[in-house]
Amino acid sequence: MVRRPLLPTHHLRTDVTASLVVFLVALPLCVGVAVASGVPAELGLVTGIVGGLVTGLLPGSSLQVSGPAAGLTVLVHEAVTEHGLPMLGALVFAAGLLQLAMGALRLGRWFRAVSLSVVQGMLAGIGLVLIAGQLYALAGARAPGQGPANLAGLPGLAVTTAGDRTGLAAAAVGGATLLVLVLWRRLPARVRVVPAPLAAVALATAVTALADLPIGRIQVNGLLAVVRAPAPEQFAGLAGAGALGTVLAFTLIASAESLFSAAAVDRLHDGPRTDFDKELMAQGAGNAVCGLLGALPMTAVIVRSAANVQAGARTKASRVLHGCWLLLFAALLPAALGAIPVAALAGVLVHAGAKLIPLKSLLPLWRSHRGEALVLAATAVAILATNLFEGVLLGLLLAVLKSAWETSHLHTEVTERPGAPVLLRLSGNATFLRLPRLLETLDSLPPGRPIEVDLAGVRHLDHACRAALREWVQRHNADGSETVRVSAPV
C-alpha cells in the first residue's frame, strides 16, 4: 500500500515562493494587530505561527491562511481591559473548544446563513472603531476610551498634535506609512513584488532610525517571556457572565469571519472546495492551542489568503511554511521588532480598518436593497456606539425582523356589489407585523351591511391576527344577526 505524503511535493517550488510572500504580508499585520489589541507584539507572532503550523496542517480549506485578524482587535482589547491579559488565554481556549464542538456537530454550514449585511456591517463597525482608536497611536497619543469617546476626542487630538513636535513627528511617520499603502498599487509591477505592508513599515522604520526621531517604538520581550499558559484560577473565571459573553463573541465572530473568508477564497481558485465543518474544527484546534499559550485568537484572514492564492500556492504546504518563517523570525531576529515605530503599525491598521468598510458597494446596495443597507449601517453604528457583541446582536435582530416583515406579506381586497354582501379577501401571511393593516382594513368596512371574509388565500394566520379577527367578528355579530361570515373557522 502506497502512502500519500501529508504535504504533496510536486508543487513545492510554487508553494515555497507563496509561503515567503504570505510571511512578508503576515509579519507586520501580526505585530500590528497585537499592539492594537493591547498585548505584547510577540503574541501576535505566536498566533500567526500556530495558524501556520497547527491550523495549516488540518483539513478544511487548503489555501486560506489563519492568524491574528484586525476584525477581532476591538474585542480583544475590550477583553484585556476588562479581564486582564492573564485571562486572555482561558477565553481563547474556551472559544476554541466551542468551535471544535460546533464543527463536530456539523454546524459550520449554518454560518453561511448569516445575513451578509450583518457581516458587512460588523466589519464596517470594526473598521470604524479601529480607525478611531489607531488615529491616536498614529499621532503618538493614547486613546481616551471606546468608540464614541475616541470619535469625540479627534478634534482635540488634532489641536494637541499640531502643538507638539513629538506628536507631529509620529503623525508624519504614520501618515507617510498610510500614503505608501494607498499608492503602492499604482507603482510598477516589479516594485509591487514586495508586499505593501512590509514595504511601508520597512521604509518608516528606516526613516525613523536614520533621522533618530523621538517617537514610540515596539517593546520587545521575546517569545519565552510572553508565552504564559492560563492558570487554574483563570479557567475558574470563565464561569462569570462577562467572561462567558466574551467567549461567545470570540466564537461566533471568529467562526463567521473564517467561514466567510473560506467562501471568498474558494472563488479565487479552482482547487478543492472548503469543507466548512472541518474548517471550523481546524480553527477551533488552532484557537485551543493559542489559548494554552496565552496568545491572541485567530481567524482565517482574507488578505493573507488572497496573497497566498495570487502567489501561486497549490497546497497547504505554503501556509505551513509561512508559519515556519514566522517562527524562525521570532526566534532569530526578535530585536528587529524593537526598531519598528508604533505610528507605522498604526498606519497599517488604519488602512486595514478602511478596507473593512464597504464604501464601493454601499450605494449600489442602497439603490437595490434599501432594507439590507439599513441593516448594514445600523449594525456598524451600533458597534461604534456600544460594543462589538451588542452591535452584532442588534444587527442580527434587525435582519430577522426585516426578513419577517418581508415574508409576512398580507394582501387585502374589498369588493362591494349592489345587493350583495361586502366581500373581503385576505391572502398571504397574516402575522402580528401586519396586524395594524388588518385592523385598519376591518375598521374601514361599511357598517350595517353583511360582510363575507374569504380566508382561502391565507397561508398562515398567527395567534395575534386570529384573535383580532375573532374579536372583530364577535363584536359585529353580538346581536345574533350574523352580519359577518368567515369562510373558515377562526
Protein backbone atom coordinates (compact mmCIF):
# COMPACT_ATOMS: atom_id res chain seq x y z
CA MET A 1 0.00 0.00 0.00
CA VAL A 2 1.42 3.38 -1.05
CA ARG A 3 1.01 6.16 1.49
CA ARG A 4 0.21 9.63 0.25
CA PRO A 5 2.52 12.30 1.71
CA LEU A 6 0.96 14.69 4.20
CA LEU A 7 2.14 17.64 2.11
CA PRO A 8 2.46 16.85 -1.64
CA THR A 9 5.86 17.78 -3.05
CA HIS A 10 5.20 18.18 -6.77
CA HIS A 11 4.09 21.81 -6.23
CA LEU A 12 6.80 22.53 -3.65
CA ARG A 13 8.59 25.26 -5.61
CA THR A 14 5.49 27.43 -6.07
CA ASP A 15 4.37 26.71 -2.52
CA VAL A 16 7.71 27.85 -1.08
CA THR A 17 7.52 31.07 -3.09
CA ALA A 18 3.94 31.68 -1.99
CA SER A 19 4.84 30.99 1.65
CA LEU A 20 7.53 33.70 1.58
CA VAL A 21 5.03 36.20 0.15
CA VAL A 22 2.46 35.33 2.83
CA PHE A 23 5.14 35.59 5.53
CA LEU A 24 6.08 39.09 4.37
CA VAL A 25 2.41 40.12 4.36
CA ALA A 26 1.66 38.49 7.71
CA LEU A 27 4.66 39.78 9.67
CA PRO A 28 3.65 43.46 10.03
CA LEU A 29 -0.02 42.56 10.42
CA CYS A 30 0.65 40.05 13.23
CA VAL A 31 2.67 42.64 15.12
CA GLY A 32 0.26 45.49 14.40
CA VAL A 33 -2.84 43.57 15.49
CA ALA A 34 -1.14 42.57 18.74
CA VAL A 35 -0.07 46.13 19.58
CA ALA A 36 -3.54 47.49 18.75
CA SER A 37 -5.09 44.79 20.94
CA GLY A 38 -3.09 45.96 23.94
CA VAL A 39 -0.89 42.84 24.22
CA PRO A 40 2.85 42.24 23.62
CA ALA A 41 3.79 42.24 19.95
CA GLU A 42 5.23 38.73 20.19
CA LEU A 43 1.80 37.25 20.96
CA GLY A 44 0.65 38.24 17.50
CA LEU A 45 3.55 36.25 16.06
CA VAL A 46 2.64 33.27 18.26
CA THR A 47 -0.88 33.25 16.86
CA GLY A 48 0.47 33.50 13.31
CA ILE A 49 2.85 30.60 13.98
CA VAL A 50 0.02 28.44 15.36
CA GLY A 51 -2.14 29.41 12.41
CA GLY A 52 0.52 28.03 10.08
CA LEU A 53 1.85 25.01 11.95
CA VAL A 54 -1.39 23.76 13.54
CA THR A 55 -4.40 25.02 11.59
CA GLY A 56 -2.38 24.94 8.37
CA LEU A 57 -1.87 21.18 8.67
CA LEU A 58 -5.52 20.32 9.34
CA PRO A 59 -8.16 19.61 6.71
CA GLY A 60 -10.85 22.11 5.78
CA SER A 61 -9.69 24.79 3.39
CA SER A 62 -6.42 24.06 1.62
CA LEU A 63 -5.32 27.59 0.70
CA GLN A 64 -6.67 30.06 3.22
CA VAL A 65 -4.23 31.33 5.87
CA SER A 66 -5.04 31.87 9.55
CA GLY A 67 -3.61 34.24 12.11
CA PRO A 68 -4.50 37.27 14.25
CA ALA A 69 -7.06 39.44 12.48
CA ALA A 70 -7.93 43.12 12.57
CA GLY A 71 -11.57 42.06 12.86
CA LEU A 72 -11.03 40.84 16.44
CA THR A 73 -8.76 43.68 17.58
CA VAL A 74 -11.52 45.70 19.20
CA LEU A 75 -12.99 42.72 21.04
CA VAL A 76 -9.59 41.52 22.26
CA HIS A 77 -8.72 44.99 23.55
CA GLU A 78 -12.03 45.13 25.44
CA ALA A 79 -11.41 41.66 26.89
CA VAL A 80 -7.87 42.50 28.03
CA THR A 81 -9.06 45.79 29.54
CA GLU A 82 -11.94 44.15 31.40
CA HIS A 83 -10.46 40.78 32.43
CA GLY A 84 -6.69 41.34 32.25
CA LEU A 85 -4.02 39.82 29.98
CA PRO A 86 -3.60 36.59 32.03
CA MET A 87 -7.29 35.80 31.41
CA LEU A 88 -6.98 36.09 27.61
CA GLY A 89 -5.60 32.57 27.18
CA ALA A 90 -8.52 30.97 29.04
CA LEU A 91 -11.04 32.95 26.97
CA VAL A 92 -9.40 31.95 23.68
CA PHE A 93 -9.08 28.30 24.78
CA ALA A 94 -12.79 28.12 25.65
CA ALA A 95 -13.70 29.69 22.31
CA GLY A 96 -11.56 27.08 20.55
CA LEU A 97 -13.35 24.25 22.35
CA LEU A 98 -16.71 25.71 21.32
CA GLN A 99 -15.57 25.86 17.70
CA LEU A 100 -14.45 22.23 17.88
CA ALA A 101 -17.83 21.23 19.28
CA MET A 102 -19.73 23.17 16.62
CA GLY A 103 -17.64 21.61 13.88
CA ALA A 104 -18.23 18.12 15.30
CA LEU A 105 -21.98 18.85 15.35
CA ARG A 106 -21.75 19.92 11.69
CA LEU A 107 -22.84 23.50 12.38
CA GLY A 108 -20.24 25.05 10.10
CA ARG A 109 -22.56 25.32 7.13
CA TRP A 110 -25.11 27.27 9.18
CA PHE A 111 -22.75 30.23 9.45
CA ARG A 112 -23.35 30.73 5.75
CA ALA A 113 -26.97 31.54 6.60
CA VAL A 114 -25.99 34.70 8.50
CA SER A 115 -27.18 37.81 6.67
CA LEU A 116 -24.41 39.23 4.50
CA SER A 117 -25.49 42.74 5.55
CA VAL A 118 -24.88 41.88 9.20
CA VAL A 119 -21.41 40.53 8.39
CA GLN A 120 -20.55 43.59 6.29
CA GLY A 121 -21.97 45.85 8.99
CA MET A 122 -19.90 44.03 11.60
CA LEU A 123 -16.74 44.50 9.57
CA ALA A 124 -17.60 48.15 8.86
CA GLY A 125 -18.20 48.80 12.56
CA ILE A 126 -14.92 47.14 13.45
CA GLY A 127 -13.21 49.24 10.80
CA LEU A 128 -14.65 52.47 12.20
CA VAL A 129 -13.66 51.60 15.78
CA LEU A 130 -10.21 50.52 14.61
CA ILE A 131 -9.64 53.75 12.69
CA ALA A 132 -10.90 55.93 15.55
CA GLY A 133 -8.58 54.21 18.03
CA GLN A 134 -5.49 53.91 15.85
CA LEU A 135 -5.51 57.58 14.82
CA TYR A 136 -4.34 58.31 18.38
CA ALA A 137 -1.49 55.78 18.11
CA LEU A 138 -0.62 57.25 14.71
CA ALA A 139 -0.11 60.61 16.43
CA GLY A 140 1.80 59.13 19.36
CA ALA A 141 -1.09 59.65 21.81
CA ARG A 142 -3.23 57.39 23.98
CA ALA A 143 -6.87 56.80 23.04
CA PRO A 144 -9.28 58.13 25.70
CA GLY A 145 -11.61 55.12 25.68
CA GLN A 146 -14.03 53.29 23.41
CA GLY A 147 -15.60 54.21 20.05
CA PRO A 148 -17.77 57.26 20.94
CA ALA A 149 -15.12 58.76 23.23
CA ASN A 150 -12.43 58.23 20.62
CA LEU A 151 -14.51 59.92 17.92
CA ALA A 152 -15.37 62.84 20.19
CA GLY A 153 -11.71 63.34 21.06
CA LEU A 154 -10.40 63.54 17.48
CA PRO A 155 -10.70 67.36 17.18
CA GLY A 156 -8.78 67.73 20.43
CA LEU A 157 -6.18 65.26 19.17
CA ALA A 158 -5.62 67.38 16.06
CA VAL A 159 -5.12 70.52 18.15
CA THR A 160 -2.77 68.79 20.61
CA THR A 161 -0.72 67.17 17.86
CA ALA A 162 -0.31 70.46 15.98
CA GLY A 163 1.43 71.98 19.00
CA ASP A 164 3.65 69.01 19.88
CA ARG A 165 6.88 68.27 17.97
CA THR A 166 6.91 64.61 19.02
CA GLY A 167 3.26 64.23 18.03
CA LEU A 168 3.93 65.85 14.66
CA ALA A 169 6.86 63.52 14.03
CA ALA A 170 4.76 60.47 14.87
CA ALA A 171 1.88 61.72 12.72
CA ALA A 172 4.30 62.31 9.82
CA VAL A 173 5.64 58.76 10.06
CA GLY A 174 2.17 57.25 10.40
CA GLY A 175 0.74 59.42 7.63
CA ALA A 176 3.61 58.56 5.31
CA THR A 177 3.07 54.86 6.03
CA LEU A 178 -0.59 55.23 5.17
CA LEU A 179 0.28 57.12 1.97
CA VAL A 180 2.65 54.36 0.86
CA LEU A 181 -0.07 51.75 1.40
CA VAL A 182 -2.59 53.74 -0.63
CA LEU A 183 -0.23 54.48 -3.53
CA TRP A 184 1.63 51.16 -3.63
CA ARG A 185 -0.77 49.53 -6.12
CA ARG A 186 -0.04 52.35 -8.60
CA LEU A 187 3.68 51.55 -8.73
CA PRO A 188 5.26 49.31 -11.42
CA ALA A 189 4.72 45.57 -11.09
CA ARG A 190 8.41 44.87 -10.42
CA VAL A 191 8.22 47.13 -7.35
CA ARG A 192 4.97 45.59 -6.12
CA VAL A 193 6.71 42.23 -5.77
CA VAL A 194 7.35 43.42 -2.21
CA PRO A 195 4.06 43.37 -0.21
CA ALA A 196 2.76 46.85 0.56
CA PRO A 197 2.53 46.47 4.39
CA LEU A 198 6.13 45.22 4.60
CA ALA A 199 7.43 47.97 2.34
CA ALA A 200 5.57 50.70 4.23
CA VAL A 201 6.72 49.52 7.66
CA ALA A 202 10.30 48.96 6.46
CA LEU A 203 10.51 52.46 4.96
CA ALA A 204 9.03 54.03 8.09
CA THR A 205 11.45 52.09 10.30
CA ALA A 206 14.44 53.14 8.17
CA VAL A 207 13.45 56.83 8.18
CA THR A 208 12.81 56.78 11.93
CA ALA A 209 16.20 55.20 12.61
CA LEU A 210 18.18 57.42 10.23
CA ALA A 211 16.56 60.62 11.49
CA ASP A 212 16.63 59.38 15.10
CA LEU A 213 13.04 60.54 15.58
CA PRO A 214 11.90 60.66 19.23
CA ILE A 215 8.75 58.58 18.71
CA GLY A 216 7.48 55.40 20.33
CA ARG A 217 8.76 52.02 19.16
CA ILE A 218 7.63 48.45 19.71
CA GLN A 219 8.62 46.97 23.07
CA VAL A 220 10.29 43.56 22.67
CA ASN A 221 10.36 40.85 25.34
CA GLY A 222 10.98 37.66 23.34
CA LEU A 223 8.67 34.68 22.83
CA LEU A 224 9.59 32.82 26.02
CA ALA A 225 8.95 35.91 28.11
CA VAL A 226 5.39 36.45 26.84
CA VAL A 227 4.06 32.91 26.37
CA ARG A 228 2.13 32.01 29.51
CA ALA A 229 -0.34 29.15 29.91
CA PRO A 230 -3.52 30.14 31.80
CA ALA A 231 -3.52 29.23 35.49
CA PRO A 232 -6.40 27.28 37.12
CA GLU A 233 -7.85 30.49 38.55
CA GLN A 234 -8.17 31.90 35.03
CA PHE A 235 -10.17 28.87 33.92
CA ALA A 236 -12.34 29.25 37.03
CA GLY A 237 -13.03 32.83 35.98
CA LEU A 238 -14.81 31.58 32.85
CA ALA A 239 -17.90 30.99 34.97
CA GLY A 240 -18.62 34.73 35.15
CA ALA A 241 -21.30 36.21 32.90
CA GLY A 242 -18.90 38.75 31.38
CA ALA A 243 -16.34 36.06 30.54
CA LEU A 244 -18.98 33.80 29.00
CA GLY A 245 -20.22 36.67 26.84
CA THR A 246 -16.67 37.34 25.64
CA VAL A 247 -16.12 33.65 24.84
CA LEU A 248 -19.36 33.55 22.87
CA ALA A 249 -18.39 36.70 20.98
CA PHE A 250 -14.93 35.30 20.17
CA THR A 251 -16.50 32.06 18.96
CA LEU A 252 -19.23 33.50 16.77
CA ILE A 253 -17.23 36.33 15.22
CA ALA A 254 -14.06 34.29 14.61
CA SER A 255 -16.10 31.43 13.12
CA ALA A 256 -18.19 33.69 10.89
CA GLU A 257 -15.15 35.63 9.65
CA SER A 258 -13.22 32.41 8.95
CA LEU A 259 -16.03 30.69 7.07
CA PHE A 260 -16.95 33.77 5.05
CA SER A 261 -13.27 34.08 4.19
CA ALA A 262 -13.25 30.43 3.09
CA ALA A 263 -16.19 31.05 0.77
CA ALA A 264 -14.38 34.06 -0.71
CA VAL A 265 -11.10 32.16 -1.16
CA ASP A 266 -12.93 29.31 -2.92
CA ARG A 267 -13.91 31.80 -5.60
CA LEU A 268 -10.26 32.71 -6.19
CA HIS A 269 -9.01 29.26 -7.23
CA ASP A 270 -10.15 26.09 -8.96
CA GLY A 271 -8.73 23.64 -6.42
CA PRO A 272 -10.57 21.59 -3.78
CA ARG A 273 -13.55 23.31 -2.18
CA THR A 274 -13.72 24.03 1.56
CA ASP A 275 -15.34 21.56 3.95
CA PHE A 276 -16.89 24.10 6.31
CA ASP A 277 -17.33 21.74 9.25
CA LYS A 278 -13.71 20.54 9.08
CA GLU A 279 -12.51 24.12 8.66
CA LEU A 280 -14.44 25.14 11.77
CA MET A 281 -12.75 22.33 13.69
CA ALA A 282 -9.35 23.38 12.34
CA GLN A 283 -9.95 26.92 13.56
CA GLY A 284 -11.09 25.54 16.91
CA ALA A 285 -7.95 23.44 17.28
CA GLY A 286 -5.80 26.45 16.46
CA ASN A 287 -7.59 28.67 18.96
CA ALA A 288 -7.36 25.99 21.66
CA VAL A 289 -3.58 25.87 21.18
CA CYS A 290 -3.38 29.69 21.12
CA GLY A 291 -5.35 29.75 24.37
CA LEU A 292 -2.96 27.33 26.06
CA LEU A 293 -0.08 29.61 25.00
CA GLY A 294 -1.86 32.76 26.22
CA ALA A 295 -1.90 34.22 22.69
CA LEU A 296 -4.41 36.13 20.57
CA PRO A 297 -7.43 34.42 18.98
CA MET A 298 -7.10 33.51 15.33
CA THR A 299 -9.32 33.62 12.30
CA ALA A 300 -8.77 32.92 8.64
CA VAL A 301 -7.63 36.22 7.12
CA ILE A 302 -8.72 37.15 3.61
CA VAL A 303 -5.73 39.46 2.98
CA ARG A 304 -3.17 36.73 3.65
CA SER A 305 -5.29 34.07 1.96
CA ALA A 306 -5.71 36.12 -1.21
CA ALA A 307 -1.95 36.80 -1.26
CA ASN A 308 -1.37 33.06 -0.92
CA VAL A 309 -3.59 32.22 -3.90
CA GLN A 310 -2.26 35.06 -6.05
CA ALA A 311 1.32 33.98 -5.34
CA GLY A 312 0.57 30.61 -6.94
CA ALA A 313 0.10 28.35 -3.91
CA ARG A 314 -1.24 24.90 -4.80
CA THR A 315 -1.36 23.02 -1.50
CA LYS A 316 -1.47 23.62 2.24
CA ALA A 317 2.36 23.45 2.30
CA SER A 318 2.53 27.20 1.63
CA ARG A 319 0.61 28.15 4.76
CA VAL A 320 2.55 25.65 6.91
CA LEU A 321 5.85 27.06 5.64
CA HIS A 322 4.69 30.61 6.33
CA GLY A 323 4.31 29.54 9.96
CA CYS A 324 7.86 28.18 9.89
CA TRP A 325 9.24 31.51 8.60
CA LEU A 326 7.37 33.38 11.35
CA LEU A 327 8.84 31.02 13.95
CA LEU A 328 12.36 31.46 12.61
CA PHE A 329 12.00 35.24 12.59
CA ALA A 330 10.62 35.33 16.14
CA ALA A 331 13.41 33.03 17.35
CA LEU A 332 16.37 34.54 15.49
CA LEU A 333 15.51 38.22 14.96
CA PRO A 334 13.19 39.35 17.78
CA ALA A 335 15.22 42.52 18.35
CA ALA A 336 14.27 43.70 14.86
CA LEU A 337 10.78 44.36 16.19
CA GLY A 338 12.16 46.93 18.61
CA ALA A 339 13.10 49.25 15.74
CA ILE A 340 9.55 49.45 14.34
CA PRO A 341 7.73 52.72 15.22
CA VAL A 342 4.26 52.32 16.70
CA ALA A 343 2.96 55.07 14.41
CA ALA A 344 3.87 52.97 11.34
CA LEU A 345 1.87 49.99 12.59
CA ALA A 346 -1.00 52.34 13.39
CA GLY A 347 -0.92 53.50 9.77
CA VAL A 348 -1.10 49.87 8.60
CA LEU A 349 -4.12 49.26 10.83
CA VAL A 350 -5.90 52.46 9.80
CA HIS A 351 -5.54 51.27 6.22
CA ALA A 352 -6.78 47.79 7.20
CA GLY A 353 -9.75 49.33 9.02
CA ALA A 354 -10.66 51.44 6.00
CA LYS A 355 -10.66 48.33 3.81
CA LEU A 356 -13.24 46.74 6.13
CA ILE A 357 -15.77 49.48 5.26
CA PRO A 358 -17.65 48.54 2.04
CA LEU A 359 -17.89 52.06 0.63
CA LYS A 360 -17.99 50.95 -3.01
CA SER A 361 -20.87 48.53 -2.52
CA LEU A 362 -22.93 50.66 -0.12
CA LEU A 363 -24.51 52.96 -2.72
CA PRO A 364 -25.49 50.13 -5.14
CA LEU A 365 -26.88 48.21 -2.17
CA TRP A 366 -28.97 51.24 -1.16
CA ARG A 367 -30.35 51.53 -4.67
CA SER A 368 -31.32 47.86 -4.97
CA HIS A 369 -31.97 46.68 -1.38
CA ARG A 370 -32.53 49.58 0.99
CA GLY A 371 -33.53 47.31 3.84
CA GLU A 372 -30.20 45.47 3.63
CA ALA A 373 -28.32 48.77 3.50
CA LEU A 374 -30.12 49.96 6.64
CA VAL A 375 -29.24 46.73 8.46
CA LEU A 376 -25.59 47.18 7.45
CA ALA A 377 -25.48 50.81 8.59
CA ALA A 378 -27.36 50.13 11.84
CA THR A 379 -25.01 47.27 12.73
CA ALA A 380 -21.94 49.42 12.11
CA VAL A 381 -23.29 52.37 14.11
CA ALA A 382 -24.40 50.09 16.96
CA ILE A 383 -20.91 48.59 17.21
CA LEU A 384 -19.40 52.06 17.25
CA ALA A 385 -21.86 53.29 19.91
CA THR A 386 -21.87 50.22 22.20
CA ASN A 387 -19.52 47.30 21.65
CA LEU A 388 -18.92 44.54 19.15
CA PHE A 389 -21.08 41.85 20.77
CA GLU A 390 -24.14 44.04 21.36
CA GLY A 391 -23.82 45.64 17.93
CA VAL A 392 -23.78 42.26 16.17
CA LEU A 393 -26.77 41.07 18.22
CA LEU A 394 -28.69 44.19 17.23
CA GLY A 395 -27.77 43.63 13.58
CA LEU A 396 -28.96 40.02 13.71
CA LEU A 397 -32.22 41.12 15.33
CA LEU A 398 -32.81 43.77 12.66
CA ALA A 399 -32.06 41.23 9.91
CA VAL A 400 -34.58 38.77 11.39
CA LEU A 401 -37.23 41.49 11.74
CA LYS A 402 -36.61 42.64 8.18
CA SER A 403 -36.99 39.10 6.86
CA ALA A 404 -40.10 38.57 8.97
CA TRP A 405 -41.60 41.81 7.64
CA GLU A 406 -40.88 40.90 4.03
CA THR A 407 -42.21 37.35 4.32
CA SER A 408 -45.35 38.35 6.24
CA HIS A 409 -46.94 39.91 3.16
CA LEU A 410 -50.70 40.31 3.57
CA HIS A 411 -52.88 41.37 0.66
CA THR A 412 -56.39 42.72 1.34
CA GLU A 413 -59.07 43.22 -1.31
CA VAL A 414 -62.53 44.70 -0.63
CA THR A 415 -65.31 44.19 -3.23
CA GLU A 416 -68.65 45.97 -2.94
CA ARG A 417 -71.55 44.99 -5.19
CA PRO A 418 -75.12 46.32 -5.07
CA GLY A 419 -77.47 43.97 -3.22
CA ALA A 420 -74.66 41.61 -2.21
CA PRO A 421 -72.57 41.30 0.95
CA VAL A 422 -69.30 43.20 1.06
CA LEU A 423 -66.53 40.71 0.21
CA LEU A 424 -63.17 40.94 1.99
CA ARG A 425 -60.47 38.67 0.54
CA LEU A 426 -57.28 38.11 2.54
CA SER A 427 -54.23 36.39 1.08
CA GLY A 428 -50.63 35.86 2.12
CA ASN A 429 -49.19 35.54 5.63
CA ALA A 430 -51.16 37.29 8.37
CA THR A 431 -48.67 37.81 11.23
CA PHE A 432 -48.53 40.30 14.08
CA LEU A 433 -46.32 42.54 11.92
CA ARG A 434 -49.31 43.08 9.60
CA LEU A 435 -51.86 43.39 12.39
CA PRO A 436 -52.17 47.21 12.15
CA ARG A 437 -53.02 46.94 8.45
CA LEU A 438 -55.55 44.16 9.08
CA LEU A 439 -57.30 46.15 11.80
CA GLU A 440 -57.30 49.27 9.62
CA THR A 441 -58.95 47.32 6.79
CA LEU A 442 -61.56 45.78 9.09
CA ASP A 443 -62.45 49.15 10.63
CA SER A 444 -62.87 50.69 7.18
CA LEU A 445 -65.59 48.25 6.11
CA PRO A 446 -69.04 49.89 5.78
CA PRO A 447 -71.17 49.43 8.91
CA GLY A 448 -74.68 47.97 8.77
CA ARG A 449 -74.07 45.75 5.72
CA PRO A 450 -73.48 41.98 5.56
CA ILE A 451 -69.82 41.10 5.22
CA GLU A 452 -68.11 37.95 3.99
CA VAL A 453 -64.49 37.30 4.87
CA ASP A 454 -62.68 34.94 2.48
CA LEU A 455 -59.59 33.33 4.05
CA ALA A 456 -58.90 30.82 1.27
CA GLY A 457 -55.74 32.65 0.17
CA VAL A 458 -54.25 32.95 3.65
CA ARG A 459 -51.24 30.63 4.02
CA HIS A 460 -50.59 31.45 7.66
CA LEU A 461 -52.73 33.14 10.33
CA ASP A 462 -50.82 33.67 13.56
CA HIS A 463 -52.34 33.92 17.03
CA ALA A 464 -52.41 37.73 17.15
CA CYS A 465 -54.25 38.13 13.82
CA ARG A 466 -56.56 35.20 14.58
CA ALA A 467 -57.54 36.70 17.94
CA ALA A 468 -58.09 40.17 16.42
CA LEU A 469 -60.26 38.74 13.62
CA ARG A 470 -62.26 36.62 16.05
CA GLU A 471 -62.87 39.61 18.33
CA TRP A 472 -63.97 41.76 15.38
CA VAL A 473 -66.42 39.10 14.17
CA GLN A 474 -67.87 38.64 17.65
CA ARG A 475 -68.32 42.38 18.09
CA HIS A 476 -70.20 42.71 14.81
CA ASN A 477 -72.34 39.63 15.48
CA ALA A 478 -73.08 40.48 19.10
CA ASP A 479 -76.81 40.92 18.44
CA GLY A 480 -77.08 37.44 16.90
CA SER A 481 -77.72 38.73 13.37
CA GLU A 482 -74.56 37.09 11.93
CA THR A 483 -73.89 40.00 9.60
CA VAL A 484 -70.28 38.78 9.27
CA ARG A 485 -69.48 35.35 7.86
CA VAL A 486 -65.98 33.88 7.62
CA SER A 487 -65.09 31.19 5.09
CA ALA A 488 -63.05 29.27 7.65
CA PRO A 489 -63.30 29.00 11.45
CA VAL A 490 -61.14 31.43 13.38
